[in-house]
């Protein structure tokens, strides 16, 4: 992507926040526009009217009141992009603060740090700990981040919904845990 000038960065930031509020299809565009804002770091320097606005971080763009920013809650933005793994991973990376407190934004608005079992954290963990094929499948939406982490042995699957019919139950358990688990289960049932 070519380098954007200050006016184009301002237009990109404005189009992105407007798509968040549009009821007729604009919301569909929000994740891709947000990815462009992040890729170009459009918040760093943009021109609105005659005023040049410089912000230090994506978080500052999101929480600062208009005209400086969007006046939004970062968790709301994350909720809107949760079904786009690429946007979520880019958002999470851009929201990191190197050497700063991660629980505060520049204007004092508290922001929960993204850890634990959130979708954003799971995607980042897949990128860190899984093979490239698995990462590609998660980013394409073919496999959920949680399922990828379970298959990679990084996270334990604690819930399995088993069909009532025995053949269906075996098939589900085989898909979930693999053939070795089925063999061990058979041996346990036979009392070996």
Protein backbone atom coordinates (compact mmCIF):
# COMPACT_ATOMS: atom_id res chain seq x y z
CA UNK A 1 0.00 0.00 0.00
CA UNK A 2 1.39 3.42 -0.92
CA UNK A 3 2.17 5.82 1.88
CA UNK A 4 -0.87 7.94 2.71
CA UNK A 5 -0.61 11.68 3.21
CA UNK A 6 -2.05 13.45 6.27
CA UNK A 7 -5.38 14.19 4.60
CA UNK A 8 -5.82 10.61 3.34
CA UNK A 9 -5.03 9.28 6.83
CA UNK A 10 -7.70 11.56 8.28
CA UNK A 11 -10.22 10.38 5.66
CA UNK A 12 -9.36 6.74 6.39
CA UNK A 13 -9.83 7.23 10.14
CA UNK A 14 -13.12 9.06 9.57
CA UNK A 15 -14.46 6.42 7.13
CA UNK A 16 -13.57 3.69 9.60
CA UNK A 17 -15.45 5.17 12.54
CA UNK A 18 -18.42 6.10 10.32
CA UNK A 19 -18.65 2.48 9.15
CA UNK A 20 -18.98 1.45 12.79
CA UNK A 21 -22.20 3.47 13.06
CA UNK A 22 -23.77 2.76 9.67
CA UNK A 23 -26.77 0.50 9.94
CA UNK A 24 -26.91 -0.45 6.27
CA UNK A 25 -23.86 -2.59 5.55
CA UNK A 26 -21.17 -0.24 6.85
CA UNK A 27 -20.40 -2.48 9.79
CA UNK A 28 -19.29 -5.18 7.33
CA UNK A 29 -16.56 -2.81 6.13
CA UNK A 30 -15.27 -1.91 9.60
CA UNK A 31 -12.75 -4.78 10.05
CA UNK A 32 -11.05 -4.20 6.68
CA UNK A 33 -10.94 -0.43 7.23
CA UNK A 34 -9.51 -0.93 10.72
CA UNK A 35 -6.81 -3.19 9.25
CA UNK A 36 -5.88 -0.34 6.87
CA UNK A 37 -5.78 2.16 9.75
CA UNK A 38 -3.45 -0.19 11.62
CA UNK A 39 -1.27 -1.05 8.60
CA UNK A 40 -0.73 2.64 7.76
CA UNK A 41 -0.59 3.75 11.42
CA UNK A 42 -3.00 6.49 10.37
CA UNK A 43 -3.40 7.78 13.93
CA UNK A 44 0.21 9.01 14.12
CA UNK A 45 -0.28 12.15 12.02
CA UNK A 46 -3.38 13.28 10.17
CA UNK A 47 -4.86 16.57 9.09
CA UNK A 48 -8.44 17.43 10.04
CA UNK A 49 -9.47 20.75 8.59
CA UNK A 50 -6.53 23.06 9.25
CA UNK A 51 -5.43 21.17 12.33
CA UNK A 52 -2.75 18.46 12.36
CA UNK A 53 -3.52 15.78 14.93
CA UNK A 54 -0.76 13.50 16.22
CA UNK A 55 -1.54 10.54 18.47
CA UNK A 56 0.84 8.03 19.99
CA UNK A 57 -1.23 4.87 19.70
CA UNK A 58 -4.29 3.15 18.27
CA UNK A 59 -5.68 3.10 21.78
CA UNK A 60 -5.45 6.88 21.93
CA UNK A 61 -7.30 7.15 18.58
CA UNK A 62 -10.07 4.88 19.84
CA UNK A 63 -10.66 6.45 23.27
CA UNK A 64 -9.94 10.15 22.61
CA UNK A 65 -13.02 12.24 22.05
CA UNK A 66 -13.77 13.58 18.57
CA UNK A 67 -12.06 15.41 16.70
CA UNK A 68 -8.86 13.93 18.12
CA UNK A 69 -10.23 10.38 18.18
CA UNK A 70 -13.32 8.24 18.03
CA UNK A 71 -14.56 8.40 21.64
CA UNK A 72 -15.16 4.66 21.76
CA UNK A 73 -14.54 1.78 24.14
CA UNK A 74 -11.77 -0.55 22.85
CA UNK A 75 -13.78 -3.58 23.99
CA UNK A 76 -16.62 -2.48 21.69
CA UNK A 77 -14.20 -2.27 18.75
CA UNK A 78 -12.85 -5.72 19.61
CA UNK A 79 -16.38 -7.14 19.78
CA UNK A 80 -17.16 -5.84 16.29
CA UNK A 81 -14.05 -7.43 14.75
CA UNK A 82 -14.11 -10.71 16.69
CA UNK A 83 -15.11 -12.74 13.62
CA UNK A 84 -12.19 -11.47 11.53
CA UNK A 85 -9.05 -13.22 12.86
CA UNK A 86 -6.65 -11.03 10.86
CA UNK A 87 -8.23 -7.82 12.11
CA UNK A 88 -8.33 -9.16 15.66
CA UNK A 89 -4.65 -10.16 15.59
CA UNK A 90 -3.62 -6.79 14.11
CA UNK A 91 -5.80 -4.95 16.66
CA UNK A 92 -4.30 -6.87 19.55
CA UNK A 93 -0.75 -6.20 18.33
CA UNK A 94 -1.46 -2.50 17.79
CA UNK A 95 -3.01 -2.17 21.26
CA UNK A 96 0.22 -3.35 22.95
CA UNK A 97 2.18 -0.67 24.74
CA UNK A 98 5.89 -1.35 24.91
CA UNK A 99 7.26 -0.21 28.25
CA UNK A 100 3.99 1.35 29.37
CA UNK A 101 1.18 0.24 31.64
CA UNK A 102 -1.19 -1.92 29.64
CA UNK A 103 -4.24 -1.24 31.79
CA UNK A 104 -4.46 2.47 30.97
CA UNK A 105 -4.76 4.54 27.82
CA UNK A 106 -3.24 7.96 27.46
CA UNK A 107 -6.33 9.81 28.63
CA UNK A 108 -6.75 7.68 31.75
CA UNK A 109 -9.58 5.52 30.41
CA UNK A 110 -9.16 2.02 31.80
CA UNK A 111 -8.73 -0.73 29.28
CA UNK A 112 -8.77 -4.39 30.22
CA UNK A 113 -5.62 -6.07 29.01
CA UNK A 114 -6.25 -8.89 26.56
CA UNK A 115 -5.23 -12.12 28.28
CA UNK A 116 -6.57 -15.53 29.18
CA UNK A 117 -9.29 -17.12 27.12
CA UNK A 118 -10.39 -14.24 24.88
CA UNK A 119 -10.58 -14.81 21.15
CA UNK A 120 -7.84 -12.21 20.52
CA UNK A 121 -5.50 -13.93 22.96
CA UNK A 122 -6.26 -17.33 21.44
CA UNK A 123 -5.46 -16.08 17.92
CA UNK A 124 -2.17 -14.61 19.11
CA UNK A 125 -1.34 -17.89 20.84
CA UNK A 126 -2.14 -19.87 17.68
CA UNK A 127 0.25 -17.61 15.77
CA UNK A 128 2.96 -18.20 18.38
CA UNK A 129 2.57 -21.90 19.06
CA UNK A 130 1.00 -23.64 16.05
CA UNK A 131 2.36 -24.68 12.68
CA UNK A 132 1.82 -22.40 9.64
CA UNK A 133 -0.92 -24.67 8.19
CA UNK A 134 -2.96 -24.39 11.37
CA UNK A 135 -2.43 -20.62 11.53
CA UNK A 136 -3.65 -20.31 7.93
CA UNK A 137 -6.74 -22.44 8.70
CA UNK A 138 -7.60 -20.25 11.71
CA UNK A 139 -7.09 -17.02 9.75
CA UNK A 140 -9.30 -18.37 6.95
CA UNK A 141 -12.03 -19.17 9.48
CA UNK A 142 -11.92 -22.92 8.78
CA UNK A 143 -10.92 -23.78 12.36
CA UNK A 144 -11.66 -21.87 15.53
CA UNK A 145 -8.65 -20.65 17.52
CA UNK A 146 -9.70 -22.78 20.48
CA UNK A 147 -9.99 -25.95 18.37
CA UNK A 148 -6.55 -25.29 16.87
CA UNK A 149 -5.01 -24.93 20.33
CA UNK A 150 -6.72 -28.11 21.53
CA UNK A 151 -5.48 -30.08 18.49
CA UNK A 152 -1.95 -28.73 19.00
CA UNK A 153 -2.04 -29.90 22.62
CA UNK A 154 -1.59 -26.36 23.93
CA UNK A 155 -5.02 -26.16 25.54
CA UNK A 156 -7.10 -28.89 27.08
CA UNK A 157 -10.62 -29.38 25.81
CA UNK A 158 -12.83 -29.60 28.85
CA UNK A 159 -16.20 -29.86 27.14
CA UNK A 160 -17.31 -32.46 24.66
CA UNK A 161 -20.90 -32.84 23.57
CA UNK A 162 -21.44 -36.53 22.88
CA UNK A 163 -24.36 -37.84 20.83
CA UNK A 164 -26.61 -40.39 22.51
CA UNK A 165 -26.12 -43.13 19.91
CA UNK A 166 -22.92 -45.20 20.49
CA UNK A 167 -21.64 -44.99 16.87
CA UNK A 168 -22.06 -41.21 16.87
CA UNK A 169 -20.38 -40.98 20.27
CA UNK A 170 -17.35 -42.96 19.07
CA UNK A 171 -17.09 -40.86 15.91
CA UNK A 172 -17.26 -37.64 17.93
CA UNK A 173 -14.66 -38.85 20.45
CA UNK A 174 -12.38 -40.00 17.61
CA UNK A 175 -12.59 -36.58 15.94
CA UNK A 176 -12.07 -34.79 19.25
CA UNK A 177 -9.30 -36.89 20.80
CA UNK A 178 -7.91 -39.18 18.09
CA UNK A 179 -7.59 -42.93 17.55
CA UNK A 180 -5.16 -43.47 20.43
CA UNK A 181 -7.74 -42.18 22.88
CA UNK A 182 -10.39 -44.53 21.45
CA UNK A 183 -8.01 -47.51 21.84
CA UNK A 184 -7.21 -46.54 25.43
CA UNK A 185 -10.91 -46.11 26.15
CA UNK A 186 -11.68 -49.55 24.69
CA UNK A 187 -8.93 -51.11 26.86
CA UNK A 188 -10.26 -49.35 29.95
CA UNK A 189 -13.78 -50.59 29.22
CA UNK A 190 -12.51 -54.16 28.74
CA UNK A 191 -10.77 -53.93 32.12
CA UNK A 192 -7.20 -54.30 30.85
